[in-house]
Amino acid sequence: MGSIIATIGQDRYTTNIVSEREHALLADEPVAKGGTDKGPMPEELLAASLGACTCITLRMYANRKQWPVEQIEATVNVHYHTDNPIPVLSLNIKLTGTLSDDQKQRLLVIAGKCPMHKAITNPLVIETRVV
């Protein structure tokens, strides 16, 4: 995977994000938290990563199996329990197409195998340094 560069200037809290392949987006905080609401919050970007990865993984699998999946929709909600600062991600998957119950169950298993799901649910190493 290529690098992601996030840059913030003097603005509160609008952050420009650019991928090595030159895809750009913004992150921000809502007005209620002091931001300008120009983009998703960081936890929403995490949820978006899980949702996108789940959809892509399921599409690849369904295509390989030649299953009649017309559309895959992943809804990810981020919430916190009052006694724990670690976010909880709730993932709901809607499958459109003529699928058997066995196929739906298999796709549920495959959803748990997407790279982002694995990264989020396993010990993650972040090497941080000032350069």
C-alpha atoms as a PDB file:
ATOM      1  CA  MET A   1       0.000   0.000   0.000  1.00  0.00           C
ATOM      2  CA  GLY A   2       1.160   3.521  -0.709  1.00  0.00           C
ATOM      3  CA  SER A   3       1.534   6.371   1.707  1.00  0.00           C
ATOM      4  CA  ILE A   4      -1.209   8.639   2.959  1.00  0.00           C
ATOM      5  CA  ILE A   5      -0.236  12.203   3.817  1.00  0.00           C
ATOM      6  CA  ALA A   6      -2.483  14.175   6.170  1.00  0.00           C
ATOM      7  CA  THR A   7      -1.778  17.895   6.527  1.00  0.00           C
ATOM      8  CA  ILE A   8      -3.339  20.526   8.776  1.00  0.00           C
ATOM      9  CA  GLY A   9      -2.472  24.191   8.871  1.00  0.00           C
ATOM     10  CA  GLN A  10      -3.873  26.878  11.138  1.00  0.00           C
ATOM     11  CA  ASP A  11      -7.508  25.924  10.387  1.00  0.00           C
ATOM     12  CA  ARG A  12      -9.589  24.249  13.070  1.00  0.00           C
ATOM     13  CA  TYR A  13      -9.623  21.176  12.276  1.00  0.00           C
ATOM     14  CA  THR A  14      -9.819  20.764   8.532  1.00  0.00           C
ATOM     15  CA  THR A  15      -7.203  18.249   7.428  1.00  0.00           C
ATOM     16  CA  ASN A  16      -6.225  17.566   3.827  1.00  0.00           C
ATOM     17  CA  ILE A  17      -5.569  13.923   3.042  1.00  0.00           C
ATOM     18  CA  VAL A  18      -3.795  12.818  -0.134  1.00  0.00           C
ATOM     19  CA  SER A  19      -2.860   9.297  -1.174  1.00  0.00           C
ATOM     20  CA  GLU A  20       0.318   8.412  -3.000  1.00  0.00           C
ATOM     21  CA  ARG A  21      -1.865   7.866  -6.084  1.00  0.00           C
ATOM     22  CA  GLU A  22      -3.123  11.462  -5.684  1.00  0.00           C
ATOM     23  CA  HIS A  23      -6.648  10.770  -4.418  1.00  0.00           C
ATOM     24  CA  ALA A  24      -7.710  13.600  -2.123  1.00  0.00           C
ATOM     25  CA  LEU A  25     -10.284  14.061   0.623  1.00  0.00           C
ATOM     26  CA  LEU A  26     -10.852  16.130   3.751  1.00  0.00           C
ATOM     27  CA  ALA A  27     -11.311  15.238   7.385  1.00  0.00           C
ATOM     28  CA  ASP A  28     -12.754  17.638   9.932  1.00  0.00           C
ATOM     29  CA  GLU A  29     -14.710  17.837  13.133  1.00  0.00           C
ATOM     30  CA  PRO A  30     -18.319  19.003  13.417  1.00  0.00           C
ATOM     31  CA  VAL A  31     -19.047  22.613  14.344  1.00  0.00           C
ATOM     32  CA  ALA A  32     -20.174  21.456  17.805  1.00  0.00           C
ATOM     33  CA  LYS A  33     -16.610  20.186  18.413  1.00  0.00           C
ATOM     34  CA  GLY A  34     -14.937  23.338  17.106  1.00  0.00           C
ATOM     35  CA  GLY A  35     -14.466  22.269  13.497  1.00  0.00           C
ATOM     36  CA  THR A  36     -15.992  23.534  10.279  1.00  0.00           C
ATOM     37  CA  ASP A  37     -17.681  20.248   9.224  1.00  0.00           C
ATOM     38  CA  LYS A  38     -15.988  20.215   5.794  1.00  0.00           C
ATOM     39  CA  GLY A  39     -15.413  16.479   5.880  1.00  0.00           C
ATOM     40  CA  PRO A  40     -15.960  13.292   7.838  1.00  0.00           C
ATOM     41  CA  MET A  41     -14.550  12.920  11.346  1.00  0.00           C
ATOM     42  CA  PRO A  42     -11.580  10.523  11.703  1.00  0.00           C
ATOM     43  CA  GLU A  43     -13.788   7.815  13.242  1.00  0.00           C
ATOM     44  CA  GLU A  44     -16.148   8.148  10.270  1.00  0.00           C
ATOM     45  CA  LEU A  45     -13.185   7.592   7.949  1.00  0.00           C
ATOM     46  CA  LEU A  46     -12.352   4.442   9.902  1.00  0.00           C
ATOM     47  CA  ALA A  47     -15.966   3.304   9.507  1.00  0.00           C
ATOM     48  CA  ALA A  48     -15.813   4.166   5.789  1.00  0.00           C
ATOM     49  CA  SER A  49     -12.686   2.028   5.418  1.00  0.00           C
ATOM     50  CA  LEU A  50     -14.438  -0.947   6.987  1.00  0.00           C
ATOM     51  CA  GLY A  51     -17.581  -0.431   4.901  1.00  0.00           C
ATOM     52  CA  ALA A  52     -15.695  -0.048   1.617  1.00  0.00           C
ATOM     53  CA  CYS A  53     -13.398  -2.993   2.300  1.00  0.00           C
ATOM     54  CA  THR A  54     -16.355  -5.198   3.220  1.00  0.00           C
ATOM     55  CA  CYS A  55     -18.201  -4.283   0.019  1.00  0.00           C
ATOM     56  CA  ILE A  56     -15.127  -4.833  -2.162  1.00  0.00           C
ATOM     57  CA  THR A  57     -14.299  -8.174  -0.520  1.00  0.00           C
ATOM     58  CA  LEU A  58     -17.868  -9.434  -0.884  1.00  0.00           C
ATOM     59  CA  ARG A  59     -18.062  -8.243  -4.504  1.00  0.00           C
ATOM     60  CA  MET A  60     -14.818 -10.080  -5.353  1.00  0.00           C
ATOM     61  CA  TYR A  61     -16.076 -13.266  -3.710  1.00  0.00           C
ATOM     62  CA  ALA A  62     -19.554 -13.105  -5.279  1.00  0.00           C
ATOM     63  CA  ASN A  63     -18.051 -12.476  -8.719  1.00  0.00           C
ATOM     64  CA  ARG A  64     -15.620 -15.366  -8.358  1.00  0.00           C
ATOM     65  CA  LYS A  65     -18.473 -17.683  -7.326  1.00  0.00           C
ATOM     66  CA  GLN A  66     -20.746 -16.181 -10.020  1.00  0.00           C
ATOM     67  CA  TRP A  67     -23.468 -15.567  -7.444  1.00  0.00           C
ATOM     68  CA  PRO A  68     -26.334 -13.242  -8.425  1.00  0.00           C
ATOM     69  CA  VAL A  69     -25.463 -10.344  -6.118  1.00  0.00           C
ATOM     70  CA  GLU A  70     -26.861  -7.142  -7.591  1.00  0.00           C
ATOM     71  CA  GLN A  71     -25.817  -4.772  -4.824  1.00  0.00           C
ATOM     72  CA  ILE A  72     -23.979  -4.833  -1.515  1.00  0.00           C
ATOM     73  CA  GLU A  73     -24.572  -2.131   1.068  1.00  0.00           C
ATOM     74  CA  ALA A  74     -22.548  -1.911   4.266  1.00  0.00           C
ATOM     75  CA  THR A  75     -23.748   0.450   6.991  1.00  0.00           C
ATOM     76  CA  VAL A  76     -21.206   1.072   9.731  1.00  0.00           C
ATOM     77  CA  ASN A  77     -22.106   2.907  12.920  1.00  0.00           C
ATOM     78  CA  VAL A  78     -19.498   4.080  15.409  1.00  0.00           C
ATOM     79  CA  HIS A  79     -20.504   4.395  19.029  1.00  0.00           C
ATOM     80  CA  TYR A  80     -18.910   4.359  22.452  1.00  0.00           C
ATOM     81  CA  HIS A  81     -19.963   2.706  25.682  1.00  0.00           C
ATOM     82  CA  THR A  82     -19.876   5.128  28.591  1.00  0.00           C
ATOM     83  CA  ASP A  83     -17.438   2.971  30.562  1.00  0.00           C
ATOM     84  CA  ASN A  84     -14.991   2.304  27.694  1.00  0.00           C
ATOM     85  CA  PRO A  85     -13.155   4.803  25.439  1.00  0.00           C
ATOM     86  CA  ILE A  86     -12.647   2.212  22.693  1.00  0.00           C
ATOM     87  CA  PRO A  87     -15.121   2.685  19.827  1.00  0.00           C
ATOM     88  CA  VAL A  88     -17.557  -0.061  18.859  1.00  0.00           C
ATOM     89  CA  LEU A  89     -18.242  -0.520  15.156  1.00  0.00           C
ATOM     90  CA  SER A  90     -21.598  -2.008  14.190  1.00  0.00           C
ATOM     91  CA  LEU A  91     -21.586  -3.410  10.649  1.00  0.00           C
ATOM     92  CA  ASN A  92     -24.872  -4.184   8.894  1.00  0.00           C
ATOM     93  CA  ILE A  93     -24.734  -5.710   5.423  1.00  0.00           C
ATOM     94  CA  LYS A  94     -27.623  -5.575   2.971  1.00  0.00           C
ATOM     95  CA  LEU A  95     -27.401  -7.970   0.018  1.00  0.00           C
ATOM     96  CA  THR A  96     -29.620  -7.485  -3.019  1.00  0.00           C
ATOM     97  CA  GLY A  97     -30.033 -10.442  -5.341  1.00  0.00           C
ATOM     98  CA  THR A  98     -31.463 -13.945  -5.414  1.00  0.00           C
ATOM     99  CA  LEU A  99     -29.321 -15.662  -2.806  1.00  0.00           C
ATOM    100  CA  SER A 100     -29.943 -18.778  -0.756  1.00  0.00           C
ATOM    101  CA  ASP A 101     -29.632 -18.687   3.023  1.00  0.00           C
ATOM    102  CA  ASP A 102     -26.413 -20.708   2.707  1.00  0.00           C
ATOM    103  CA  GLN A 103     -24.938 -18.142   0.311  1.00  0.00           C
ATOM    104  CA  LYS A 104     -25.886 -15.294   2.659  1.00  0.00           C
ATOM    105  CA  GLN A 105     -24.258 -17.090   5.584  1.00  0.00           C
ATOM    106  CA  ARG A 106     -21.100 -17.707   3.560  1.00  0.00           C
ATOM    107  CA  LEU A 107     -20.946 -14.011   2.615  1.00  0.00           C
ATOM    108  CA  LEU A 108     -21.296 -13.125   6.292  1.00  0.00           C
ATOM    109  CA  VAL A 109     -18.240 -15.255   7.043  1.00  0.00           C
ATOM    110  CA  ILE A 110     -16.328 -13.704   4.128  1.00  0.00           C
ATOM    111  CA  ALA A 111     -17.167 -10.202   5.395  1.00  0.00           C
ATOM    112  CA  GLY A 112     -15.138 -10.969   8.508  1.00  0.00           C
ATOM    113  CA  LYS A 113     -12.146 -11.791   6.338  1.00  0.00           C
ATOM    114  CA  CYS A 114     -11.762  -8.413   4.627  1.00  0.00           C
ATOM    115  CA  PRO A 115      -8.344  -6.840   5.255  1.00  0.00           C
ATOM    116  CA  MET A 116      -9.711  -3.854   7.210  1.00  0.00           C
ATOM    117  CA  HIS A 117     -11.807  -6.125   9.450  1.00  0.00           C
ATOM    118  CA  LYS A 118      -8.691  -8.168  10.184  1.00  0.00           C
ATOM    119  CA  ALA A 119      -6.608  -5.036  10.835  1.00  0.00           C
ATOM    120  CA  ILE A 120      -9.153  -3.515  13.196  1.00  0.00           C
ATOM    121  CA  THR A 121      -9.902  -6.670  15.178  1.00  0.00           C
ATOM    122  CA  ASN A 122      -6.317  -7.880  15.629  1.00  0.00           C
ATOM    123  CA  PRO A 123      -3.462  -6.281  17.510  1.00  0.00           C
ATOM    124  CA  LEU A 124      -2.368  -3.325  15.442  1.00  0.00           C
ATOM    125  CA  VAL A 125       1.125  -1.880  15.576  1.00  0.00           C
ATOM    126  CA  ILE A 126       1.548   1.857  15.035  1.00  0.00           C
ATOM    127  CA  GLU A 127       5.134   3.047  14.860  1.00  0.00           C
ATOM    128  CA  THR A 128       5.101   6.788  15.614  1.00  0.00           C
ATOM    129  CA  ARG A 129       8.070   9.137  15.452  1.00  0.00           C
ATOM    130  CA  VAL A 130       8.765  12.810  14.793  1.00  0.00           C
ATOM    131  CA  VAL A 131      10.867  13.308  11.646  1.00  0.00           C
END
